[in-house]
Protein backbone atom coordinates (compact mmCIF):
# COMPACT_ATOMS: atom_id res chain seq x y z
CA MET A 1 3.95 -7.43 -16.69
CA ALA A 2 1.90 -5.82 -14.25
CA GLU A 3 2.38 -2.04 -13.63
CA MET A 4 2.70 -0.63 -9.99
CA LEU A 5 0.92 2.38 -9.74
CA PHE A 6 1.24 5.03 -6.57
CA THR A 7 -1.31 7.35 -4.85
CA LYS A 8 0.11 10.71 -3.49
CA ASP A 9 -0.53 9.39 0.33
CA HIS A 10 2.63 6.96 -0.65
CA GLU A 11 0.44 3.28 -1.26
CA TYR A 12 1.70 1.57 -4.23
CA ILE A 13 -0.69 -0.67 -6.32
CA LEU A 14 0.70 -3.92 -8.41
CA VAL A 15 -2.35 -5.22 -10.27
CA GLU A 16 -2.78 -8.87 -11.91
CA ASP A 17 -5.74 -10.37 -12.85
CA GLY A 18 -8.12 -7.87 -11.45
CA VAL A 19 -6.50 -8.04 -7.83
CA GLY A 20 -4.16 -5.46 -6.74
CA ARG A 21 -1.17 -5.82 -4.04
CA VAL A 22 -0.76 -2.87 -1.78
CA GLY A 23 1.65 -1.91 0.08
CA ILE A 24 3.80 1.59 1.14
CA THR A 25 6.33 3.00 -1.09
CA ARG A 26 10.14 3.12 -0.50
CA PHE A 27 9.93 6.95 0.12
CA ALA A 28 6.79 6.28 2.71
CA GLN A 29 8.98 3.52 4.30
CA GLY A 30 11.92 5.84 4.54
CA GLN A 31 9.99 8.55 6.18
CA LEU A 32 8.75 6.41 8.77
CA GLY A 33 11.87 4.41 9.97
CA ASP A 34 11.97 1.46 11.61
CA ILE A 35 8.42 -0.38 11.26
CA VAL A 36 7.15 -1.90 14.93
CA PHE A 37 3.63 -3.07 14.16
CA VAL A 38 1.27 -3.14 11.37
CA GLU A 39 -2.39 -3.42 11.70
CA LEU A 40 -4.49 -5.26 8.89
CA PRO A 41 -7.49 -5.43 8.03
CA GLU A 42 -9.64 -8.52 7.96
CA PRO A 43 -10.24 -10.70 4.52
CA GLY A 44 -13.38 -9.86 3.31
CA VAL A 45 -14.02 -6.58 4.13
CA GLN A 46 -15.28 -4.06 1.58
CA ARG A 47 -13.29 -0.70 1.09
CA LYS A 48 -13.79 2.38 -0.97
CA LYS A 49 -10.99 4.35 -2.99
CA GLY A 50 -9.31 6.63 -0.03
CA GLU A 51 -10.58 4.58 2.60
CA GLU A 52 -8.48 3.77 5.87
CA THR A 53 -7.73 0.16 5.46
CA ALA A 54 -4.56 -0.46 7.61
CA VAL A 55 -2.27 1.00 9.99
CA VAL A 56 1.63 0.93 10.32
CA GLU A 57 3.64 2.27 13.28
CA SER A 58 7.13 2.93 13.34
CA VAL A 59 9.46 4.11 15.93
CA LYS A 60 9.03 7.50 14.91
CA ALA A 61 4.97 7.76 14.14
CA ALA A 62 1.75 5.77 13.18
CA SER A 63 0.36 6.17 9.62
CA GLU A 64 -3.00 5.12 8.12
CA VAL A 65 -2.73 3.30 4.93
CA TYR A 66 -5.95 3.98 2.68
CA ALA A 67 -7.13 1.78 -0.11
CA PRO A 68 -6.18 3.03 -3.53
CA VAL A 69 -8.98 1.68 -5.27
CA GLY A 70 -12.44 -0.01 -3.94
CA GLY A 71 -13.25 -3.30 -3.48
CA GLU A 72 -13.00 -6.74 -1.40
CA VAL A 73 -9.80 -7.14 0.68
CA VAL A 74 -8.95 -10.88 -0.38
CA GLU A 75 -5.50 -11.69 1.48
CA VAL A 76 -3.57 -10.20 3.89
CA ASN A 77 0.02 -10.51 4.26
CA ALA A 78 0.16 -12.55 7.68
CA ASP A 79 4.03 -12.57 7.91
CA LEU A 80 4.02 -8.97 8.93
CA ALA A 81 2.18 -9.68 12.20
CA ASP A 82 5.41 -11.69 13.28
CA HIS A 83 8.05 -9.58 11.20
CA PRO A 84 6.59 -5.71 10.63
CA ALA A 85 10.28 -5.31 9.63
CA LEU A 86 9.86 -7.12 5.93
CA VAL A 87 8.16 -3.46 5.32
CA ASN A 88 11.60 -1.93 5.74
CA GLU A 89 13.61 -4.86 4.29
CA ASP A 90 11.42 -4.84 0.85
CA PRO A 91 8.21 -2.96 0.69
CA HIS A 92 7.69 -3.45 -2.55
CA GLY A 93 7.83 -7.38 -2.52
CA ASP A 94 7.73 -9.31 0.83
CA GLY A 95 6.29 -6.18 2.75
CA TRP A 96 3.04 -5.83 1.02
CA PHE A 97 0.16 -5.30 3.30
CA PHE A 98 -2.93 -6.48 1.81
CA LYS A 99 -4.60 -7.51 -1.80
CA ILE A 100 -7.87 -5.88 -2.86
CA ARG A 101 -10.36 -7.17 -5.77
CA ILE A 102 -11.03 -4.40 -7.60
CA ALA A 103 -14.43 -3.28 -8.05
CA ASP A 104 -14.13 -0.61 -10.66
CA THR A 105 -10.93 -0.76 -12.68
CA SER A 106 -11.83 2.86 -13.98
CA GLU A 107 -10.28 4.17 -10.42
CA LEU A 108 -6.73 2.76 -11.58
CA SER A 109 -6.93 5.96 -14.01
CA GLY A 110 -6.50 8.31 -11.27
CA LEU A 111 -3.25 7.10 -9.74
CA LEU A 112 0.11 7.74 -10.87
CA ASP A 113 2.65 5.93 -12.88
CA GLN A 114 6.14 5.59 -11.95
CA SER A 115 7.72 8.61 -13.39
CA ALA A 116 4.68 11.08 -11.87
CA TYR A 117 5.23 9.48 -8.71
CA ASP A 118 9.13 10.21 -8.84
CA ALA A 119 8.29 13.84 -9.97
CA PHE A 120 5.95 14.33 -7.05
CA VAL A 121 8.29 12.73 -4.46
CA ALA A 122 10.90 15.39 -5.81
CA THR A 123 8.52 18.11 -4.89
CA LEU A 124 8.67 17.06 -1.41
CA ALA A 125 12.49 17.36 -0.77
């Protein structure tokens, strides 16, 4: 089973067969409130770890979504164009943003596992 990893910028990545599915965490979704627009990258673009890759806008604010690892964007969630609320309804499932073919899997070691991310979020309260 694939493990979900997290950044301190509140993105998650779920890795399977060298490709990571990326979105924002439930915590980030909760902080943003109702999502009204999502700007996604074009498939085929290359991103470095930490580079802005998407934008999410809510009734409260707009926020950048950064690549948790470097690589090539191989797929985007086209359903978000017509249904950005999927991010609110299921951020770790149907509300994913893009899939990235990971260029260097060693970059995954710098991400947080679920318990470390939960501990990090607890410090923000």
